[in-house]
C-alpha atoms as a PDB file:
ATOM      1  CA  MET A   1      62.591 -75.471 -17.626  1.00  0.00           C
ATOM      2  CA  LEU A   2      61.066 -73.589 -20.893  1.00  0.00           C
ATOM      3  CA  ARG A   3      63.666 -70.882 -21.849  1.00  0.00           C
ATOM      4  CA  ALA A   4      62.540 -67.877 -23.881  1.00  0.00           C
ATOM      5  CA  ALA A   5      64.974 -65.839 -26.279  1.00  0.00           C
ATOM      6  CA  PHE A   6      64.605 -62.503 -25.192  1.00  0.00           C
ATOM      7  CA  ALA A   7      65.651 -60.859 -22.027  1.00  0.00           C
ATOM      8  CA  ALA A   8      63.599 -58.098 -20.601  1.00  0.00           C
ATOM      9  CA  GLN A   9      65.409 -55.196 -19.354  1.00  0.00           C
ATOM     10  CA  GLU A  10      63.696 -53.934 -15.914  1.00  0.00           C
ATOM     11  CA  ASN A  11      64.165 -50.433 -16.258  1.00  0.00           C
ATOM     12  CA  PRO A  12      63.929 -49.867 -20.367  1.00  0.00           C
ATOM     13  CA  PRO A  13      65.996 -46.985 -21.414  1.00  0.00           C
ATOM     14  CA  LYS A  14      64.115 -43.738 -23.018  1.00  0.00           C
ATOM     15  CA  GLN A  15      65.368 -44.701 -26.415  1.00  0.00           C
ATOM     16  CA  LEU A  16      64.228 -48.023 -26.821  1.00  0.00           C
ATOM     17  CA  ASN A  17      66.379 -50.459 -28.496  1.00  0.00           C
ATOM     18  CA  PHE A  18      65.497 -53.958 -29.781  1.00  0.00           C
ATOM     19  CA  ASN A  19      68.249 -56.013 -30.999  1.00  0.00           C
ATOM     20  CA  MET A  20      67.258 -59.847 -31.999  1.00  0.00           C
ATOM     21  CA  HIS A  21      69.223 -62.027 -34.386  1.00  0.00           C
ATOM     22  CA  GLY A  22      71.179 -59.410 -36.078  1.00  0.00           C
ATOM     23  CA  GLN A  23      68.441 -56.938 -36.761  1.00  0.00           C
ATOM     24  CA  SER A  24      68.254 -53.931 -34.919  1.00  0.00           C
ATOM     25  CA  GLN A  25      65.141 -51.819 -34.361  1.00  0.00           C
ATOM     26  CA  THR A  26      65.041 -47.969 -32.251  1.00  0.00           C
ATOM     27  CA  TRP A  27      62.448 -46.007 -31.258  1.00  0.00           C
ATOM     28  CA  GLN A  28      62.135 -43.081 -29.214  1.00  0.00           C
ATOM     29  CA  THR A  29      58.763 -43.772 -27.039  1.00  0.00           C
ATOM     30  CA  PHE A  30      56.488 -46.507 -26.988  1.00  0.00           C
ATOM     31  CA  GLU A  31      53.744 -44.854 -29.110  1.00  0.00           C
ATOM     32  CA  ASP A  32      56.324 -45.101 -31.769  1.00  0.00           C
ATOM     33  CA  ILE A  33      56.765 -48.978 -31.328  1.00  0.00           C
ATOM     34  CA  LYS A  34      52.709 -49.041 -31.333  1.00  0.00           C
ATOM     35  CA  ARG A  35      52.479 -47.334 -34.353  1.00  0.00           C
ATOM     36  CA  ALA A  36      54.735 -49.231 -36.306  1.00  0.00           C
ATOM     37  CA  ALA A  37      53.465 -52.349 -34.905  1.00  0.00           C
ATOM     38  CA  GLU A  38      49.784 -51.541 -36.088  1.00  0.00           C
ATOM     39  CA  GLU A  39      51.070 -50.727 -39.534  1.00  0.00           C
ATOM     40  CA  GLY A  40      52.742 -54.413 -39.753  1.00  0.00           C
ATOM     41  CA  ASP A  41      56.051 -54.125 -38.388  1.00  0.00           C
ATOM     42  CA  ALA A  42      57.143 -57.591 -37.026  1.00  0.00           C
ATOM     43  CA  ALA A  43      59.966 -56.298 -34.887  1.00  0.00           C
ATOM     44  CA  SER A  44      57.432 -53.948 -33.161  1.00  0.00           C
ATOM     45  CA  GLN A  45      54.835 -56.523 -32.847  1.00  0.00           C
ATOM     46  CA  CYS A  46      57.317 -58.673 -31.077  1.00  0.00           C
ATOM     47  CA  TYR A  47      58.611 -56.179 -29.057  1.00  0.00           C
ATOM     48  CA  ILE A  48      55.108 -54.776 -27.681  1.00  0.00           C
ATOM     49  CA  GLY A  49      53.907 -58.842 -27.291  1.00  0.00           C
ATOM     50  CA  ILE A  50      56.814 -59.201 -24.856  1.00  0.00           C
ATOM     51  CA  CYS A  51      56.226 -55.925 -22.925  1.00  0.00           C
ATOM     52  CA  TYR A  52      52.653 -57.495 -22.403  1.00  0.00           C
ATOM     53  CA  GLN A  53      54.113 -60.839 -21.494  1.00  0.00           C
ATOM     54  CA  THR A  54      56.520 -59.424 -18.986  1.00  0.00           C
ATOM     55  CA  GLY A  55      55.234 -56.564 -17.687  1.00  0.00           C
ATOM     56  CA  GLN A  56      57.588 -54.306 -18.942  1.00  0.00           C
ATOM     57  CA  GLY A  57      56.399 -50.864 -19.249  1.00  0.00           C
ATOM     58  CA  VAL A  58      52.720 -51.753 -19.940  1.00  0.00           C
ATOM     59  CA  ALA A  59      50.243 -53.772 -17.402  1.00  0.00           C
ATOM     60  CA  LEU A  60      51.026 -57.587 -17.582  1.00  0.00           C
ATOM     61  CA  ASP A  61      48.303 -59.023 -20.131  1.00  0.00           C
ATOM     62  CA  TYR A  62      49.042 -62.413 -21.385  1.00  0.00           C
ATOM     63  CA  GLY A  63      45.927 -61.924 -24.008  1.00  0.00           C
ATOM     64  CA  GLN A  64      47.207 -58.583 -25.560  1.00  0.00           C
ATOM     65  CA  ALA A  65      50.725 -60.475 -25.700  1.00  0.00           C
ATOM     66  CA  VAL A  66      49.304 -63.431 -27.466  1.00  0.00           C
ATOM     67  CA  LEU A  67      47.759 -61.317 -29.941  1.00  0.00           C
ATOM     68  CA  TRP A  68      50.957 -59.138 -30.842  1.00  0.00           C
ATOM     69  CA  LEU A  69      53.075 -62.196 -30.563  1.00  0.00           C
ATOM     70  CA  HIS A  70      51.146 -64.042 -33.192  1.00  0.00           C
ATOM     71  CA  ARG A  71      51.028 -61.093 -35.452  1.00  0.00           C
ATOM     72  CA  ALA A  72      54.886 -61.066 -35.654  1.00  0.00           C
ATOM     73  CA  ALA A  73      55.131 -65.123 -35.343  1.00  0.00           C
ATOM     74  CA  ASP A  74      52.727 -65.077 -38.471  1.00  0.00           C
ATOM     75  CA  GLN A  75      55.153 -62.688 -40.173  1.00  0.00           C
ATOM     76  CA  GLY A  76      58.572 -65.009 -39.572  1.00  0.00           C
ATOM     77  CA  ASP A  77      59.800 -63.360 -36.415  1.00  0.00           C
ATOM     78  CA  VAL A  78      61.765 -65.774 -34.894  1.00  0.00           C
ATOM     79  CA  SER A  79      61.635 -64.510 -31.346  1.00  0.00           C
ATOM     80  CA  ALA A  80      57.961 -63.788 -31.508  1.00  0.00           C
ATOM     81  CA  GLN A  81      57.658 -67.755 -32.465  1.00  0.00           C
ATOM     82  CA  CYS A  82      59.543 -69.040 -29.405  1.00  0.00           C
ATOM     83  CA  TYR A  83      57.697 -66.770 -27.059  1.00  0.00           C
ATOM     84  CA  LEU A  84      54.297 -67.937 -28.758  1.00  0.00           C
ATOM     85  CA  GLY A  85      55.349 -71.376 -27.885  1.00  0.00           C
ATOM     86  CA  VAL A  86      55.964 -70.430 -24.392  1.00  0.00           C
ATOM     87  CA  CYS A  87      52.262 -69.103 -23.979  1.00  0.00           C
ATOM     88  CA  TYR A  88      51.126 -72.166 -25.503  1.00  0.00           C
ATOM     89  CA  GLN A  89      53.046 -74.571 -23.357  1.00  0.00           C
ATOM     90  CA  ALA A  90      52.322 -72.527 -20.211  1.00  0.00           C
ATOM     91  CA  GLY A  91      48.804 -71.529 -21.066  1.00  0.00           C
ATOM     92  CA  LEU A  92      49.604 -67.872 -20.726  1.00  0.00           C
ATOM     93  CA  GLY A  93      46.812 -66.163 -22.481  1.00  0.00           C
ATOM     94  CA  VAL A  94      45.635 -69.117 -24.618  1.00  0.00           C
ATOM     95  CA  PRO A  95      44.539 -72.760 -23.290  1.00  0.00           C
ATOM     96  CA  GLN A  96      47.574 -74.565 -22.778  1.00  0.00           C
ATOM     97  CA  GLU A  97      48.117 -76.679 -26.051  1.00  0.00           C
ATOM     98  CA  TYR A  98      51.590 -78.735 -26.325  1.00  0.00           C
ATOM     99  CA  ARG A  99      50.984 -79.734 -30.094  1.00  0.00           C
ATOM    100  CA  GLU A 100      50.580 -75.776 -30.657  1.00  0.00           C
ATOM    101  CA  ALA A 101      53.760 -75.137 -28.450  1.00  0.00           C
ATOM    102  CA  ALA A 102      55.687 -77.653 -30.477  1.00  0.00           C
ATOM    103  CA  HIS A 103      54.804 -76.061 -34.033  1.00  0.00           C
ATOM    104  CA  TRP A 104      55.591 -72.644 -32.772  1.00  0.00           C
ATOM    105  CA  PHE A 105      58.941 -73.769 -31.293  1.00  0.00           C
ATOM    106  CA  ARG A 106      59.813 -75.840 -34.274  1.00  0.00           C
ATOM    107  CA  GLU A 107      58.954 -72.559 -36.540  1.00  0.00           C
ATOM    108  CA  ALA A 108      61.648 -70.814 -34.417  1.00  0.00           C
ATOM    109  CA  ALA A 109      64.307 -73.670 -34.183  1.00  0.00           C
ATOM    110  CA  ASP A 110      64.279 -74.648 -37.690  1.00  0.00           C
ATOM    111  CA  GLN A 111      65.543 -70.756 -38.226  1.00  0.00           C
ATOM    112  CA  GLY A 112      68.277 -71.844 -35.738  1.00  0.00           C
ATOM    113  CA  ASP A 113      66.807 -70.215 -32.378  1.00  0.00           C
ATOM    114  CA  PRO A 114      68.761 -71.863 -29.786  1.00  0.00           C
ATOM    115  CA  ALA A 115      65.911 -71.351 -27.118  1.00  0.00           C
ATOM    116  CA  ALA A 116      63.378 -72.788 -29.446  1.00  0.00           C
ATOM    117  CA  GLN A 117      65.421 -75.960 -30.108  1.00  0.00           C
ATOM    118  CA  PHE A 118      65.993 -76.455 -26.461  1.00  0.00           C
ATOM    119  CA  ASN A 119      62.178 -76.189 -26.091  1.00  0.00           C
ATOM    120  CA  LEU A 120      61.561 -78.287 -28.868  1.00  0.00           C
ATOM    121  CA  GLY A 121      63.898 -80.872 -27.359  1.00  0.00           C
ATOM    122  CA  VAL A 122      62.277 -80.908 -24.022  1.00  0.00           C
ATOM    123  CA  LEU A 123      59.041 -81.644 -25.686  1.00  0.00           C
ATOM    124  CA  TYR A 124      60.222 -84.780 -27.503  1.00  0.00           C
ATOM    125  CA  GLU A 125      61.983 -85.751 -24.587  1.00  0.00           C
ATOM    126  CA  THR A 126      58.944 -85.451 -22.314  1.00  0.00           C
ATOM    127  CA  GLY A 127      56.487 -86.595 -25.196  1.00  0.00           C
ATOM    128  CA  GLN A 128      54.240 -83.417 -24.894  1.00  0.00           C
ATOM    129  CA  GLY A 129      52.778 -82.339 -28.153  1.00  0.00           C
ATOM    130  CA  VAL A 130      54.745 -84.580 -29.887  1.00  0.00           C
ATOM    131  CA  PRO A 131      55.271 -88.427 -29.970  1.00  0.00           C
ATOM    132  CA  GLN A 132      58.335 -88.907 -27.660  1.00  0.00           C
ATOM    133  CA  ASN A 133      61.447 -89.421 -29.233  1.00  0.00           C
ATOM    134  CA  TYR A 134      64.859 -89.165 -27.461  1.00  0.00           C
ATOM    135  CA  ALA A 135      66.875 -89.558 -30.640  1.00  0.00           C
ATOM    136  CA  GLU A 136      64.950 -86.161 -31.659  1.00  0.00           C
ATOM    137  CA  ALA A 137      65.408 -84.826 -28.172  1.00  0.00           C
ATOM    138  CA  VAL A 138      68.966 -85.308 -28.429  1.00  0.00           C
ATOM    139  CA  LYS A 139      69.014 -83.708 -31.930  1.00  0.00           C
ATOM    140  CA  TRP A 140      67.628 -80.395 -30.895  1.00  0.00           C
ATOM    141  CA  TYR A 141      69.381 -80.308 -27.697  1.00  0.00           C
ATOM    142  CA  HIS A 142      72.694 -80.677 -29.518  1.00  0.00           C
ATOM    143  CA  ALA A 143      71.795 -78.034 -31.741  1.00  0.00           C
ATOM    144  CA  ALA A 144      70.941 -75.786 -28.893  1.00  0.00           C
ATOM    145  CA  ALA A 145      74.153 -76.715 -26.830  1.00  0.00           C
ATOM    146  CA  ASP A 146      76.459 -75.929 -29.923  1.00  0.00           C
ATOM    147  CA  GLN A 147      75.043 -72.470 -29.774  1.00  0.00           C
ATOM    148  CA  GLY A 148      76.003 -71.809 -26.065  1.00  0.00           C
ATOM    149  CA  GLU A 149      72.298 -72.778 -24.551  1.00  0.00           C
ATOM    150  CA  PRO A 150      73.293 -73.747 -21.018  1.00  0.00           C
ATOM    151  CA  GLN A 151      70.089 -75.865 -20.163  1.00  0.00           C
ATOM    152  CA  ALA A 152      70.666 -77.984 -23.760  1.00  0.00           C
ATOM    153  CA  GLN A 153      74.076 -78.516 -22.426  1.00  0.00           C
ATOM    154  CA  PHE A 154      73.069 -79.982 -19.398  1.00  0.00           C
ATOM    155  CA  ASN A 155      70.553 -82.234 -20.539  1.00  0.00           C
ATOM    156  CA  LEU A 156      72.834 -83.349 -23.729  1.00  0.00           C
ATOM    157  CA  GLY A 157      75.485 -83.924 -20.615  1.00  0.00           C
ATOM    158  CA  VAL A 158      73.103 -86.215 -19.090  1.00  0.00           C
ATOM    159  CA  PHE A 159      72.207 -88.347 -22.122  1.00  0.00           C
ATOM    160  CA  TYR A 160      76.052 -89.024 -22.962  1.00  0.00           C
ATOM    161  CA  GLU A 161      76.601 -89.948 -19.250  1.00  0.00           C
ATOM    162  CA  THR A 162      74.100 -92.487 -19.035  1.00  0.00           C
ATOM    163  CA  GLY A 163      74.435 -93.530 -22.462  1.00  0.00           C
ATOM    164  CA  GLN A 164      70.477 -93.289 -23.577  1.00  0.00           C
ATOM    165  CA  VAL A 165      70.176 -92.867 -27.217  1.00  0.00           C
ATOM    166  CA  VAL A 166      74.059 -91.782 -27.752  1.00  0.00           C
ATOM    167  CA  PRO A 167      76.841 -93.867 -26.742  1.00  0.00           C
ATOM    168  CA  GLN A 168      78.174 -93.819 -23.205  1.00  0.00           C
ATOM    169  CA  ASP A 169      80.877 -91.180 -23.215  1.00  0.00           C
ATOM    170  CA  PHE A 170      82.104 -89.424 -20.098  1.00  0.00           C
ATOM    171  CA  GLY A 171      84.371 -87.426 -21.160  1.00  0.00           C
ATOM    172  CA  GLU A 172      81.726 -85.649 -23.435  1.00  0.00           C
ATOM    173  CA  ALA A 173      79.188 -85.631 -20.927  1.00  0.00           C
ATOM    174  CA  VAL A 174      81.971 -83.807 -18.794  1.00  0.00           C
ATOM    175  CA  LYS A 175      82.309 -81.490 -21.558  1.00  0.00           C
ATOM    176  CA  TRP A 176      78.887 -80.466 -21.626  1.00  0.00           C
ATOM    177  CA  TYR A 177      78.174 -80.081 -17.874  1.00  0.00           C
ATOM    178  CA  LYS A 178      81.336 -77.747 -17.431  1.00  0.00           C
ATOM    179  CA  ALA A 179      79.904 -76.004 -20.461  1.00  0.00           C
ATOM    180  CA  ALA A 180      76.610 -75.567 -18.647  1.00  0.00           C
ATOM    181  CA  ALA A 181      78.592 -75.172 -14.928  1.00  0.00           C
ATOM    182  CA  GLU A 182      80.184 -72.222 -16.022  1.00  0.00           C
ATOM    183  CA  GLN A 183      76.967 -70.666 -17.109  1.00  0.00           C
ATOM    184  CA  GLU A 184      75.708 -71.235 -13.494  1.00  0.00           C
ATOM    185  CA  ILE A 185      73.348 -74.124 -14.047  1.00  0.00           C
ATOM    186  CA  ALA A 186      73.152 -75.785 -10.662  1.00  0.00           C
ATOM    187  CA  PRO A 187      72.379 -79.658 -11.781  1.00  0.00           C
ATOM    188  CA  ALA A 188      75.351 -79.334 -14.203  1.00  0.00           C
ATOM    189  CA  GLN A 189      77.860 -78.322 -11.624  1.00  0.00           C
ATOM    190  CA  CYS A 190      76.665 -80.726  -9.443  1.00  0.00           C
ATOM    191  CA  ASN A 191      76.941 -83.876 -12.020  1.00  0.00           C
ATOM    192  CA  LEU A 192      80.371 -82.175 -12.428  1.00  0.00           C
ATOM    193  CA  GLY A 193      81.306 -82.336  -8.802  1.00  0.00           C
ATOM    194  CA  LEU A 194      80.450 -86.059  -9.053  1.00  0.00           C
ATOM    195  CA  CYS A 195      82.347 -86.560 -12.131  1.00  0.00           C
ATOM    196  CA  TYR A 196      85.648 -85.439 -10.669  1.00  0.00           C
ATOM    197  CA  GLN A 197      84.520 -87.378  -7.063  1.00  0.00           C
ATOM    198  CA  THR A 198      84.225 -90.588  -9.357  1.00  0.00           C
ATOM    199  CA  GLY A 199      86.659 -90.127 -11.845  1.00  0.00           C
ATOM    200  CA  ARG A 200      83.989 -90.353 -15.057  1.00  0.00           C
ATOM    201  CA  GLY A 201      85.483 -88.445 -17.661  1.00  0.00           C
ATOM    202  CA  VAL A 202      88.286 -86.586 -15.870  1.00  0.00           C
ATOM    203  CA  PRO A 203      90.749 -87.433 -13.284  1.00  0.00           C
ATOM    204  CA  VAL A 204      89.568 -87.921  -9.906  1.00  0.00           C
ATOM    205  CA  SER A 205      89.859 -84.701  -7.752  1.00  0.00           C
ATOM    206  CA  GLU A 206      88.529 -84.080  -4.656  1.00  0.00           C
ATOM    207  CA  ILE A 207      89.272 -80.317  -5.047  1.00  0.00           C
ATOM    208  CA  GLU A 208      87.267 -80.050  -8.231  1.00  0.00           C
ATOM    209  CA  ALA A 209      84.694 -82.099  -6.692  1.00  0.00           C
ATOM    210  CA  VAL A 210      83.927 -79.824  -3.548  1.00  0.00           C
ATOM    211  CA  LYS A 211      84.396 -76.966  -5.768  1.00  0.00           C
ATOM    212  CA  TRP A 212      81.617 -77.712  -7.851  1.00  0.00           C
ATOM    213  CA  PHE A 213      79.328 -79.111  -5.124  1.00  0.00           C
ATOM    214  CA  CYS A 214      79.870 -75.599  -3.579  1.00  0.00           C
ATOM    215  CA  ARG A 215      78.935 -73.519  -6.382  1.00  0.00           C
ATOM    216  CA  ALA A 216      75.731 -76.087  -7.063  1.00  0.00           C
ATOM    217  CA  ALA A 217      75.035 -75.943  -3.004  1.00  0.00           C
ATOM    218  CA  LYS A 218      75.090 -72.051  -2.768  1.00  0.00           C
ATOM    219  CA  ALA A 219      72.684 -71.857  -5.724  1.00  0.00           C
ATOM    220  CA  GLY A 220      70.357 -74.479  -3.804  1.00  0.00           C
ATOM    221  CA  ASP A 221      70.940 -78.090  -5.575  1.00  0.00           C
ATOM    222  CA  LYS A 222      69.827 -80.139  -2.857  1.00  0.00           C
ATOM    223  CA  THR A 223      71.782 -83.060  -3.931  1.00  0.00           C
ATOM    224  CA  ALA A 224      75.215 -80.941  -4.014  1.00  0.00           C
ATOM    225  CA  GLN A 225      74.251 -79.972  -0.424  1.00  0.00           C
ATOM    226  CA  TYR A 226      73.886 -83.421   0.554  1.00  0.00           C
ATOM    227  CA  ASN A 227      77.063 -84.186  -1.018  1.00  0.00           C
ATOM    228  CA  LEU A 228      78.775 -81.438   0.858  1.00  0.00           C
ATOM    229  CA  GLY A 229      77.204 -82.864   3.903  1.00  0.00           C
ATOM    230  CA  LEU A 230      79.178 -86.207   3.674  1.00  0.00           C
ATOM    231  CA  TYR A 231      82.130 -84.571   2.723  1.00  0.00           C
ATOM    232  CA  TYR A 232      82.114 -82.356   5.964  1.00  0.00           C
ATOM    233  CA  ALA A 233      81.372 -85.577   7.859  1.00  0.00           C
ATOM    234  CA  SER A 234      84.433 -87.336   6.261  1.00  0.00           C
ATOM    235  CA  LEU A 235      86.663 -84.811   7.654  1.00  0.00           C
ATOM    236  CA  GLU A 236      85.757 -85.697  11.418  1.00  0.00           C
ATOM    237  CA  GLY A 237      88.237 -86.661  13.438  1.00  0.00           C
ATOM    238  CA  LYS A 238      91.003 -85.667  11.145  1.00  0.00           C
ATOM    239  CA  ALA A 239      93.674 -82.842  11.409  1.00  0.00           C
ATOM    240  CA  PRO A 240      92.059 -79.475  11.152  1.00  0.00           C
ATOM    241  CA  PRO A 241      91.894 -78.307   7.367  1.00  0.00           C
ATOM    242  CA  THR A 242      94.703 -76.016   6.149  1.00  0.00           C
ATOM    243  CA  ALA A 243      95.424 -74.146   2.781  1.00  0.00           C
ATOM    244  CA  GLU A 244      98.011 -76.932   2.248  1.00  0.00           C
ATOM    245  CA  ASN A 245      95.698 -79.799   3.130  1.00  0.00           C
ATOM    246  CA  PRO A 246      93.759 -80.803   0.321  1.00  0.00           C
ATOM    247  CA  GLU A 247      91.017 -81.569   2.757  1.00  0.00           C
ATOM    248  CA  GLN A 248      90.716 -77.971   3.605  1.00  0.00           C
ATOM    249  CA  ASP A 249      87.127 -76.150   4.282  1.00  0.00           C
ATOM    250  CA  ALA A 250      85.280 -77.122   1.178  1.00  0.00           C
ATOM    251  CA  PHE A 251      84.034 -73.234   1.033  1.00  0.00           C
ATOM    252  CA  GLU A 252      87.630 -72.182   1.232  1.00  0.00           C
ATOM    253  CA  VAL A 253      88.533 -74.612  -1.723  1.00  0.00           C
ATOM    254  CA  GLU A 254      85.763 -73.291  -3.970  1.00  0.00           C
ATOM    255  CA  GLU A 255      86.911 -69.629  -3.374  1.00  0.00           C
ATOM    256  CA  ALA A 256      90.389 -70.505  -3.957  1.00  0.00           C
ATOM    257  CA  THR A 257      89.852 -72.042  -7.091  1.00  0.00           C
ATOM    258  CA  GLU A 258      86.666 -70.375  -8.835  1.00  0.00           C
ATOM    259  CA  GLU A 259      88.595 -68.133 -10.547  1.00  0.00           C
ATOM    260  CA  GLN A 260      91.086 -70.223 -11.834  1.00  0.00           C
ATOM    261  CA  PRO A 261      90.240 -71.900 -15.530  1.00  0.00           C
ATOM    262  CA  THR A 262      89.940 -75.972 -14.906  1.00  0.00           C
ATOM    263  CA  SER A 263      91.347 -78.067 -17.476  1.00  0.00           C
END
């Protein structure tokens, strides 16, 4: 999944604030933003582009989004560069062009944008717009993961668990799965549960395994739902679950432990 670097507000305030990468702008009206954008202000151009791309305060218009994002990106605005990469990757307002997407993701990634670093890693992993290169993918996932990007953390965990490109290291895999799982990335929660179930990188713990399977299953992860089904099937014919019994009801386990920090 590709991620952009800006979370648009559903109901923007009357006083419009734009804070990205330590630079803050404030406008009173959309007309103020438009005027600043037309005068060449990159932050204003980026904001307008995002508004058109997301339908925030204006009619959704991918063509206008690309126009304004391009103006801002050409001035080096990192958020606009990442968003423009998403436009080219998904074919929003422009023909789908992975090579152009890679160009703009790289521009933003080189400036340290974690979303762009993750997106560039995805392109290297899949070979879209760039030669397939797993080592480059891991490099960019690591850069993004170190800044807290959850999808990158999950992908990095997979590389460490499988030992592809990097030395196989279950402890490192668990570290990154947990970081992503705590940010509600369901596949990471499921994989973390599997690590606890099998003892890969952590001591075996059915309680922890079930807890993470539950969180992933509630988010719709099919593998976690299947694993929970197996867990419930394993309880057939056993004593009714209780709070003192480590094989208590899975959802009770999850509710009892989800607020407690795990080691």
